[in-house]
Amino acid sequence: MPNASNTPIAKPKIALVIGAGDAIGSAIARKFAEQGLIVCAARRHGDKLQPLIDELKGNHCQAHAFSCDARKEDQVRDLFQQIETAIGEIDVVVFNIGANVPMGILETDSQKFFKIWEMACFAGFLSGREAARYMVPRQRGTILFTGATASVRGAAGFAAFASAKHGLRALAQSMARELGPQNIHVAHVVIDAAVDTAWIMDNVPQAQALKKQDGIVRPDDLADNYVHLYRQPRNAWTFELDVRPWQETW
C-alpha cells in the first residue's frame, strides 16, 4: 500500500556482530535482539550459528547468519553490501574476533604472528572501515570493538596477541576522533578478566569456585555494556569501557 503521507518509510535497523562466537558474541547478539534490532551474526563458519538463529527466531526476533572470514577484504565488503541491500541499514557493528593464542616469543614464527595480527587487528580495520563507508553518508551509527587485557598490557607469552590488540585499540582511538564529529560513536571495550566460557571452565582450576562468587564475567552481563554504549546520548559518549569483576585487583 502506498505511503499516504509521502513520508519515507524507515528501514529496519541492523546489529551486525562479527565474530559471533558461542559465548560473548552470541550474548551480544541476544541483547541487541531484545532491543528490537534485526541481528546479523557472522563468523568464519556460519553453519555454527544455526542454534543461535533458531533460538532468536523462537523468541520472535529477526536474525540471520552469515559466513565471513573477516581477514578477507572481499568477504567483508560483500557481507556489508548483502545486508544493506537485502535486509536493512546497519546501525551498530560489533567487532568481536579474539585470537587469544598464548605462545612464547621463541615459538612465535612469522606466520603465526601475522595470522594473529590479521584476526585481531587487520580484520577490525576492514570491518570498521566498511561500517564507516555506510554510516558516514547517513551521519549516524555505532562501531564497537572488543578488546582485552592485552589491549593495554602485554604479558609474557602473549607478544603476538598483545601487539594485535594494542593495534586494534589504536585503530579505535583514531576512528573515534575522526568519526565522532560525524555523529558516529566508536567505542572500545576492555575485558580485563576471565569470561565464563567453555575454555575457561576447562582450563582454569578455580573457575567454578570463582563463578559461584561472581569472580568471572558472565557473557550476558558483559553484553549489557554493549547495549549501554549503543544507547548513550551523544553529549556523553564513552570511548573506552573497562570491564572486570568485583574481586579483581587493579
C-alpha atoms as a PDB file:
ATOM      1  CA  MET A   1       0.000   0.000   0.000  1.00  0.00           C
ATOM      2  CA  PRO A   2       1.396   3.466  -0.860  1.00  0.00           C
ATOM      3  CA  ASN A   3       2.531   5.646   1.980  1.00  0.00           C
ATOM      4  CA  ALA A   4      -0.306   8.187   2.129  1.00  0.00           C
ATOM      5  CA  SER A   5       1.739  10.807   3.949  1.00  0.00           C
ATOM      6  CA  ASN A   6       4.608  10.546   1.455  1.00  0.00           C
ATOM      7  CA  THR A   7       6.928  10.229   4.459  1.00  0.00           C
ATOM      8  CA  PRO A   8       9.885   7.943   3.713  1.00  0.00           C
ATOM      9  CA  ILE A   9       9.411   4.587   5.384  1.00  0.00           C
ATOM     10  CA  ALA A  10      12.294   3.918   7.761  1.00  0.00           C
ATOM     11  CA  LYS A  11      14.350   0.859   7.024  1.00  0.00           C
ATOM     12  CA  PRO A  12      14.743  -1.685   9.831  1.00  0.00           C
ATOM     13  CA  LYS A  13      17.862  -1.245  11.949  1.00  0.00           C
ATOM     14  CA  ILE A  14      20.514  -3.936  11.985  1.00  0.00           C
ATOM     15  CA  ALA A  15      23.009  -5.038  14.635  1.00  0.00           C
ATOM     16  CA  LEU A  16      25.908  -6.785  12.911  1.00  0.00           C
ATOM     17  CA  VAL A  17      28.067  -8.932  15.181  1.00  0.00           C
ATOM     18  CA  ILE A  18      31.313 -10.002  13.515  1.00  0.00           C
ATOM     19  CA  GLY A  19      32.852 -12.826  15.497  1.00  0.00           C
ATOM     20  CA  ALA A  20      29.580 -14.166  16.879  1.00  0.00           C
ATOM     21  CA  GLY A  21      31.104 -16.976  18.891  1.00  0.00           C
ATOM     22  CA  ASP A  22      29.313 -19.290  21.278  1.00  0.00           C
ATOM     23  CA  ALA A  23      29.849 -17.127  24.372  1.00  0.00           C
ATOM     24  CA  ILE A  24      30.458 -13.358  24.159  1.00  0.00           C
ATOM     25  CA  GLY A  25      29.383 -12.854  20.557  1.00  0.00           C
ATOM     26  CA  SER A  26      26.163 -14.825  20.947  1.00  0.00           C
ATOM     27  CA  ALA A  27      25.331 -12.982  24.178  1.00  0.00           C
ATOM     28  CA  ILE A  28      25.785  -9.635  22.419  1.00  0.00           C
ATOM     29  CA  ALA A  29      23.543 -10.778  19.583  1.00  0.00           C
ATOM     30  CA  ARG A  30      20.806 -11.782  22.050  1.00  0.00           C
ATOM     31  CA  LYS A  31      20.922  -8.439  23.840  1.00  0.00           C
ATOM     32  CA  PHE A  32      20.558  -6.424  20.639  1.00  0.00           C
ATOM     33  CA  ALA A  33      17.731  -8.687  19.515  1.00  0.00           C
ATOM     34  CA  GLU A  34      15.978  -7.897  22.809  1.00  0.00           C
ATOM     35  CA  GLN A  35      16.276  -4.216  21.878  1.00  0.00           C
ATOM     36  CA  GLY A  36      14.270  -4.844  18.730  1.00  0.00           C
ATOM     37  CA  LEU A  37      17.127  -4.751  16.222  1.00  0.00           C
ATOM     38  CA  ILE A  38      17.462  -7.330  13.495  1.00  0.00           C
ATOM     39  CA  VAL A  39      20.548  -9.383  14.289  1.00  0.00           C
ATOM     40  CA  CYS A  40      23.025 -10.320  11.606  1.00  0.00           C
ATOM     41  CA  ALA A  41      25.591 -12.684  13.088  1.00  0.00           C
ATOM     42  CA  ALA A  42      28.786 -13.529  11.226  1.00  0.00           C
ATOM     43  CA  ARG A  43      31.634 -15.916  11.832  1.00  0.00           C
ATOM     44  CA  ARG A  44      34.031 -17.846   9.631  1.00  0.00           C
ATOM     45  CA  HIS A  45      31.861 -20.974   9.685  1.00  0.00           C
ATOM     46  CA  GLY A  46      28.351 -19.607   9.577  1.00  0.00           C
ATOM     47  CA  ASP A  47      26.721 -23.009   9.929  1.00  0.00           C
ATOM     48  CA  LYS A  48      27.774 -22.989  13.593  1.00  0.00           C
ATOM     49  CA  LEU A  49      25.373 -20.088  14.144  1.00  0.00           C
ATOM     50  CA  GLN A  50      22.226 -22.091  13.449  1.00  0.00           C
ATOM     51  CA  PRO A  51      21.420 -22.850  17.126  1.00  0.00           C
ATOM     52  CA  LEU A  52      21.651 -19.118  17.930  1.00  0.00           C
ATOM     53  CA  ILE A  53      19.482 -18.152  14.962  1.00  0.00           C
ATOM     54  CA  ASP A  54      16.892 -20.781  15.868  1.00  0.00           C
ATOM     55  CA  GLU A  55      16.855 -19.544  19.471  1.00  0.00           C
ATOM     56  CA  LEU A  56      16.348 -15.906  18.454  1.00  0.00           C
ATOM     57  CA  LYS A  57      13.619 -16.740  15.966  1.00  0.00           C
ATOM     58  CA  GLY A  58      11.960 -18.897  18.600  1.00  0.00           C
ATOM     59  CA  ASN A  59      11.818 -15.761  20.752  1.00  0.00           C
ATOM     60  CA  HIS A  60      10.134 -13.868  17.901  1.00  0.00           C
ATOM     61  CA  CYS A  61      13.287 -11.961  16.948  1.00  0.00           C
ATOM     62  CA  GLN A  62      14.604 -11.475  13.439  1.00  0.00           C
ATOM     63  CA  ALA A  63      18.051 -12.957  12.891  1.00  0.00           C
ATOM     64  CA  HIS A  64      20.301 -14.002  10.029  1.00  0.00           C
ATOM     65  CA  ALA A  65      23.553 -15.971   9.891  1.00  0.00           C
ATOM     66  CA  PHE A  66      26.494 -15.310   7.582  1.00  0.00           C
ATOM     67  CA  SER A  67      29.790 -16.999   6.849  1.00  0.00           C
ATOM     68  CA  CYS A  68      32.616 -14.492   6.608  1.00  0.00           C
ATOM     69  CA  ASP A  69      36.371 -14.642   7.035  1.00  0.00           C
ATOM     70  CA  ALA A  70      36.870 -11.129   8.375  1.00  0.00           C
ATOM     71  CA  ARG A  71      40.514 -11.175   7.274  1.00  0.00           C
ATOM     72  CA  LYS A  72      39.403 -11.183   3.631  1.00  0.00           C
ATOM     73  CA  GLU A  73      38.566  -7.761   2.232  1.00  0.00           C
ATOM     74  CA  ASP A  74      36.217  -9.037  -0.459  1.00  0.00           C
ATOM     75  CA  GLN A  75      34.231 -11.127   2.019  1.00  0.00           C
ATOM     76  CA  VAL A  76      33.819  -8.224   4.440  1.00  0.00           C
ATOM     77  CA  ARG A  77      32.727  -5.925   1.625  1.00  0.00           C
ATOM     78  CA  ASP A  78      30.230  -8.493   0.344  1.00  0.00           C
ATOM     79  CA  LEU A  79      28.862  -9.071   3.869  1.00  0.00           C
ATOM     80  CA  PHE A  80      28.004  -5.409   4.356  1.00  0.00           C
ATOM     81  CA  GLN A  81      26.636  -4.998   0.861  1.00  0.00           C
ATOM     82  CA  GLN A  82      24.389  -8.035   1.149  1.00  0.00           C
ATOM     83  CA  ILE A  83      22.934  -6.906   4.481  1.00  0.00           C
ATOM     84  CA  GLU A  84      22.404  -3.299   3.385  1.00  0.00           C
ATOM     85  CA  THR A  85      20.794  -4.346   0.117  1.00  0.00           C
ATOM     86  CA  ALA A  86      18.605  -7.220   1.246  1.00  0.00           C
ATOM     87  CA  ILE A  87      17.825  -6.643   4.945  1.00  0.00           C
ATOM     88  CA  GLY A  88      18.216  -3.098   6.226  1.00  0.00           C
ATOM     89  CA  GLU A  89      20.524  -0.366   7.498  1.00  0.00           C
ATOM     90  CA  ILE A  90      23.384  -1.429   9.731  1.00  0.00           C
ATOM     91  CA  ASP A  91      23.055   0.806  12.793  1.00  0.00           C
ATOM     92  CA  VAL A  92      25.606  -0.878  15.052  1.00  0.00           C
ATOM     93  CA  VAL A  93      28.606  -3.058  14.258  1.00  0.00           C
ATOM     94  CA  VAL A  94      30.363  -5.112  16.930  1.00  0.00           C
ATOM     95  CA  PHE A  95      33.806  -6.463  16.077  1.00  0.00           C
ATOM     96  CA  ASN A  96      34.372  -9.360  18.458  1.00  0.00           C
ATOM     97  CA  ILE A  97      37.150 -11.530  16.996  1.00  0.00           C
ATOM     98  CA  GLY A  98      39.665 -12.606  19.620  1.00  0.00           C
ATOM     99  CA  ALA A  99      42.712 -14.653  18.517  1.00  0.00           C
ATOM    100  CA  ASN A 100      43.928 -15.132  22.084  1.00  0.00           C
ATOM    101  CA  VAL A 101      46.704 -17.638  21.407  1.00  0.00           C
ATOM    102  CA  PRO A 102      49.473 -17.854  24.041  1.00  0.00           C
ATOM    103  CA  MET A 103      52.956 -18.722  22.828  1.00  0.00           C
ATOM    104  CA  GLY A 104      56.499 -17.893  23.854  1.00  0.00           C
ATOM    105  CA  ILE A 105      58.468 -15.468  21.735  1.00  0.00           C
ATOM    106  CA  LEU A 106      60.882 -18.197  20.601  1.00  0.00           C
ATOM    107  CA  GLU A 107      57.945 -20.306  19.398  1.00  0.00           C
ATOM    108  CA  THR A 108      56.291 -17.401  17.599  1.00  0.00           C
ATOM    109  CA  ASP A 109      57.236 -17.722  13.960  1.00  0.00           C
ATOM    110  CA  SER A 110      56.365 -15.035  11.447  1.00  0.00           C
ATOM    111  CA  GLN A 111      53.384 -16.942  10.057  1.00  0.00           C
ATOM    112  CA  LYS A 112      51.749 -17.310  13.486  1.00  0.00           C
ATOM    113  CA  PHE A 113      52.411 -13.679  14.368  1.00  0.00           C
ATOM    114  CA  PHE A 114      50.916 -12.485  11.100  1.00  0.00           C
ATOM    115  CA  LYS A 115      47.809 -14.671  11.442  1.00  0.00           C
ATOM    116  CA  ILE A 116      47.084 -13.394  14.956  1.00  0.00           C
ATOM    117  CA  TRP A 117      47.520  -9.804  13.757  1.00  0.00           C
ATOM    118  CA  GLU A 118      45.208 -10.479  10.814  1.00  0.00           C
ATOM    119  CA  MET A 119      42.477 -11.835  13.071  1.00  0.00           C
ATOM    120  CA  ALA A 120      42.659  -9.397  15.972  1.00  0.00           C
ATOM    121  CA  CYS A 121      43.734  -6.164  14.241  1.00  0.00           C
ATOM    122  CA  PHE A 122      43.573  -6.189  10.436  1.00  0.00           C
ATOM    123  CA  ALA A 123      40.088  -7.737  10.425  1.00  0.00           C
ATOM    124  CA  GLY A 124      38.998  -4.966  12.792  1.00  0.00           C
ATOM    125  CA  PHE A 125      40.275  -2.370  10.343  1.00  0.00           C
ATOM    126  CA  LEU A 126      38.378  -3.960   7.455  1.00  0.00           C
ATOM    127  CA  SER A 127      35.170  -4.224   9.479  1.00  0.00           C
ATOM    128  CA  GLY A 128      35.425  -0.715  10.917  1.00  0.00           C
ATOM    129  CA  ARG A 129      36.234   0.914   7.597  1.00  0.00           C
ATOM    130  CA  GLU A 130      33.383  -0.870   5.816  1.00  0.00           C
ATOM    131  CA  ALA A 131      30.982   0.171   8.568  1.00  0.00           C
ATOM    132  CA  ALA A 132      32.112   3.776   8.200  1.00  0.00           C
ATOM    133  CA  ARG A 133      31.509   3.684   4.455  1.00  0.00           C
ATOM    134  CA  TYR A 134      27.816   3.170   5.089  1.00  0.00           C
ATOM    135  CA  MET A 135      27.465   5.228   8.265  1.00  0.00           C
ATOM    136  CA  VAL A 136      29.252   8.412   7.172  1.00  0.00           C
ATOM    137  CA  PRO A 137      26.736   9.272   4.415  1.00  0.00           C
ATOM    138  CA  ARG A 138      23.888   8.703   6.904  1.00  0.00           C
ATOM    139  CA  GLN A 139      25.708  10.709   9.606  1.00  0.00           C
ATOM    140  CA  ARG A 140      24.864   8.168  12.302  1.00  0.00           C
ATOM    141  CA  GLY A 141      25.909   4.779  13.621  1.00  0.00           C
ATOM    142  CA  THR A 142      27.837   2.918  16.296  1.00  0.00           C
ATOM    143  CA  ILE A 143      31.007   0.837  15.947  1.00  0.00           C
ATOM    144  CA  LEU A 144      32.131  -1.214  18.946  1.00  0.00           C
ATOM    145  CA  PHE A 145      35.414  -3.108  19.253  1.00  0.00           C
ATOM    146  CA  THR A 146      36.066  -5.868  21.776  1.00  0.00           C
ATOM    147  CA  GLY A 147      39.435  -5.562  23.489  1.00  0.00           C
ATOM    148  CA  ALA A 148      41.193  -7.495  26.224  1.00  0.00           C
ATOM    149  CA  THR A 149      43.797  -7.154  28.953  1.00  0.00           C
ATOM    150  CA  ALA A 150      46.316  -7.412  26.116  1.00  0.00           C
ATOM    151  CA  SER A 151      44.943  -4.160  24.668  1.00  0.00           C
ATOM    152  CA  VAL A 152      46.695  -2.193  27.397  1.00  0.00           C
ATOM    153  CA  ARG A 153      49.244  -4.586  28.913  1.00  0.00           C
ATOM    154  CA  GLY A 154      51.495  -7.128  27.256  1.00  0.00           C
ATOM    155  CA  ALA A 155      52.049 -10.302  29.286  1.00  0.00           C
ATOM    156  CA  ALA A 156      54.796 -12.890  28.963  1.00  0.00           C
ATOM    157  CA  GLY A 157      53.907 -15.380  26.256  1.00  0.00           C
ATOM    158  CA  PHE A 158      51.428 -13.070  24.540  1.00  0.00           C
ATOM    159  CA  ALA A 159      53.612 -10.866  22.360  1.00  0.00           C
ATOM    160  CA  ALA A 160      51.693 -11.525  19.146  1.00  0.00           C
ATOM    161  CA  PHE A 161      48.256 -11.174  20.717  1.00  0.00           C
ATOM    162  CA  ALA A 162      49.189  -8.056  22.691  1.00  0.00           C
ATOM    163  CA  SER A 163      50.648  -6.328  19.654  1.00  0.00           C
ATOM    164  CA  ALA A 164      47.479  -7.035  17.674  1.00  0.00           C
ATOM    165  CA  LYS A 165      45.156  -5.890  20.453  1.00  0.00           C
ATOM    166  CA  HIS A 166      47.228  -2.761  21.063  1.00  0.00           C
ATOM    167  CA  GLY A 167      46.866  -2.049  17.358  1.00  0.00           C
ATOM    168  CA  LEU A 168      43.099  -2.555  17.449  1.00  0.00           C
ATOM    169  CA  ARG A 169      42.806  -0.137  20.359  1.00  0.00           C
ATOM    170  CA  ALA A 170      44.841   2.487  18.486  1.00  0.00           C
ATOM    171  CA  LEU A 171      42.650   1.967  15.432  1.00  0.00           C
ATOM    172  CA  ALA A 172      39.541   2.512  17.558  1.00  0.00           C
ATOM    173  CA  GLN A 173      41.011   5.690  19.094  1.00  0.00           C
ATOM    174  CA  SER A 174      41.785   7.173  15.690  1.00  0.00           C
ATOM    175  CA  MET A 175      38.384   6.230  14.300  1.00  0.00           C
ATOM    176  CA  ALA A 176      36.622   7.715  17.323  1.00  0.00           C
ATOM    177  CA  ARG A 177      38.366  11.061  16.847  1.00  0.00           C
ATOM    178  CA  GLU A 178      37.710  11.095  13.114  1.00  0.00           C
ATOM    179  CA  LEU A 179      34.137   9.806  13.059  1.00  0.00           C
ATOM    180  CA  GLY A 180      32.771  11.273  16.293  1.00  0.00           C
ATOM    181  CA  PRO A 181      32.192  14.723  14.750  1.00  0.00           C
ATOM    182  CA  GLN A 182      30.183  12.930  12.060  1.00  0.00           C
ATOM    183  CA  ASN A 183      27.754  11.533  14.666  1.00  0.00           C
ATOM    184  CA  ILE A 184      29.284   8.058  14.650  1.00  0.00           C
ATOM    185  CA  HIS A 185      30.058   6.605  18.063  1.00  0.00           C
ATOM    186  CA  VAL A 186      33.200   4.448  18.152  1.00  0.00           C
ATOM    187  CA  ALA A 187      33.982   2.670  21.412  1.00  0.00           C
ATOM    188  CA  HIS A 188      36.421   0.070  22.702  1.00  0.00           C
ATOM    189  CA  VAL A 189      35.572  -2.451  25.447  1.00  0.00           C
ATOM    190  CA  VAL A 190      38.495  -3.743  27.519  1.00  0.00           C
ATOM    191  CA  ILE A 191      37.560  -7.109  29.024  1.00  0.00           C
ATOM    192  CA  ASP A 192      40.232  -7.286  31.703  1.00  0.00           C
ATOM    193  CA  ALA A 193      39.106 -10.570  33.233  1.00  0.00           C
ATOM    194  CA  ALA A 194      38.271 -14.191  32.612  1.00  0.00           C
ATOM    195  CA  VAL A 195      34.897 -14.731  30.966  1.00  0.00           C
ATOM    196  CA  ASP A 196      32.588 -17.653  31.641  1.00  0.00           C
ATOM    197  CA  THR A 197      33.361 -19.695  28.530  1.00  0.00           C
ATOM    198  CA  ALA A 198      33.875 -23.408  27.942  1.00  0.00           C
ATOM    199  CA  TRP A 199      37.631 -22.856  27.570  1.00  0.00           C
ATOM    200  CA  ILE A 200      37.900 -21.080  30.927  1.00  0.00           C
ATOM    201  CA  MET A 201      35.815 -23.733  32.674  1.00  0.00           C
ATOM    202  CA  ASP A 202      38.007 -26.499  31.239  1.00  0.00           C
ATOM    203  CA  ASN A 203      41.401 -24.883  31.775  1.00  0.00           C
ATOM    204  CA  VAL A 204      41.205 -22.725  34.914  1.00  0.00           C
ATOM    205  CA  PRO A 205      41.155 -24.978  38.025  1.00  0.00           C
ATOM    206  CA  GLN A 206      39.389 -22.463  40.267  1.00  0.00           C
ATOM    207  CA  ALA A 207      36.889 -21.328  37.618  1.00  0.00           C
ATOM    208  CA  GLN A 208      33.815 -22.973  39.154  1.00  0.00           C
ATOM    209  CA  ALA A 209      34.562 -21.520  42.575  1.00  0.00           C
ATOM    210  CA  LEU A 210      35.111 -18.069  41.105  1.00  0.00           C
ATOM    211  CA  LYS A 211      31.895 -18.294  39.126  1.00  0.00           C
ATOM    212  CA  LYS A 212      29.896 -19.005  42.296  1.00  0.00           C
ATOM    213  CA  GLN A 213      31.375 -15.847  43.852  1.00  0.00           C
ATOM    214  CA  ASP A 214      30.754 -13.636  40.768  1.00  0.00           C
ATOM    215  CA  GLY A 215      34.518 -13.656  40.205  1.00  0.00           C
ATOM    216  CA  ILE A 216      34.200 -14.411  36.497  1.00  0.00           C
ATOM    217  CA  VAL A 217      32.469 -12.201  33.948  1.00  0.00           C
ATOM    218  CA  ARG A 218      29.188 -13.647  32.699  1.00  0.00           C
ATOM    219  CA  PRO A 219      28.649 -13.142  28.934  1.00  0.00           C
ATOM    220  CA  ASP A 220      25.056 -11.923  29.375  1.00  0.00           C
ATOM    221  CA  ASP A 221      26.093  -9.279  31.900  1.00  0.00           C
ATOM    222  CA  LEU A 222      29.032  -8.268  29.731  1.00  0.00           C
ATOM    223  CA  ALA A 223      26.750  -7.895  26.712  1.00  0.00           C
ATOM    224  CA  ASP A 224      24.592  -5.371  28.582  1.00  0.00           C
ATOM    225  CA  ASN A 225      27.535  -2.981  28.368  1.00  0.00           C
ATOM    226  CA  TYR A 226      27.488  -3.072  24.568  1.00  0.00           C
ATOM    227  CA  VAL A 227      23.820  -2.110  24.502  1.00  0.00           C
ATOM    228  CA  HIS A 228      24.551   0.649  27.019  1.00  0.00           C
ATOM    229  CA  LEU A 229      27.226   2.085  24.728  1.00  0.00           C
ATOM    230  CA  TYR A 230      24.844   1.908  21.782  1.00  0.00           C
ATOM    231  CA  ARG A 231      22.116   3.725  23.704  1.00  0.00           C
ATOM    232  CA  GLN A 232      24.311   6.514  25.093  1.00  0.00           C
ATOM    233  CA  PRO A 233      23.341  10.098  24.206  1.00  0.00           C
ATOM    234  CA  ARG A 234      25.975  11.764  22.064  1.00  0.00           C
ATOM    235  CA  ASN A 235      26.604  14.506  24.630  1.00  0.00           C
ATOM    236  CA  ALA A 236      28.061  11.846  26.948  1.00  0.00           C
ATOM    237  CA  TRP A 237      29.683   9.188  24.779  1.00  0.00           C
ATOM    238  CA  THR A 238      32.136   6.757  26.317  1.00  0.00           C
ATOM    239  CA  PHE A 239      35.172   5.796  24.267  1.00  0.00           C
ATOM    240  CA  GLU A 240      36.656   3.081  26.477  1.00  0.00           C
ATOM    241  CA  LEU A 241      34.852   0.846  28.922  1.00  0.00           C
ATOM    242  CA  ASP A 242      36.924  -1.318  31.278  1.00  0.00           C
ATOM    243  CA  VAL A 243      35.076  -4.428  32.467  1.00  0.00           C
ATOM    244  CA  ARG A 244      36.206  -6.535  35.431  1.00  0.00           C
ATOM    245  CA  PRO A 245      34.525  -8.488  38.266  1.00  0.00           C
ATOM    246  CA  TRP A 246      34.290  -7.031  41.745  1.00  0.00           C
ATOM    247  CA  GLN A 247      37.103  -9.241  43.135  1.00  0.00           C
ATOM    248  CA  GLU A 248      39.629  -8.109  40.550  1.00  0.00           C
ATOM    249  CA  THR A 249      42.603  -6.143  41.888  1.00  0.00           C
ATOM    250  CA  TRP A 250      43.977  -3.170  39.914  1.00  0.00           C
END
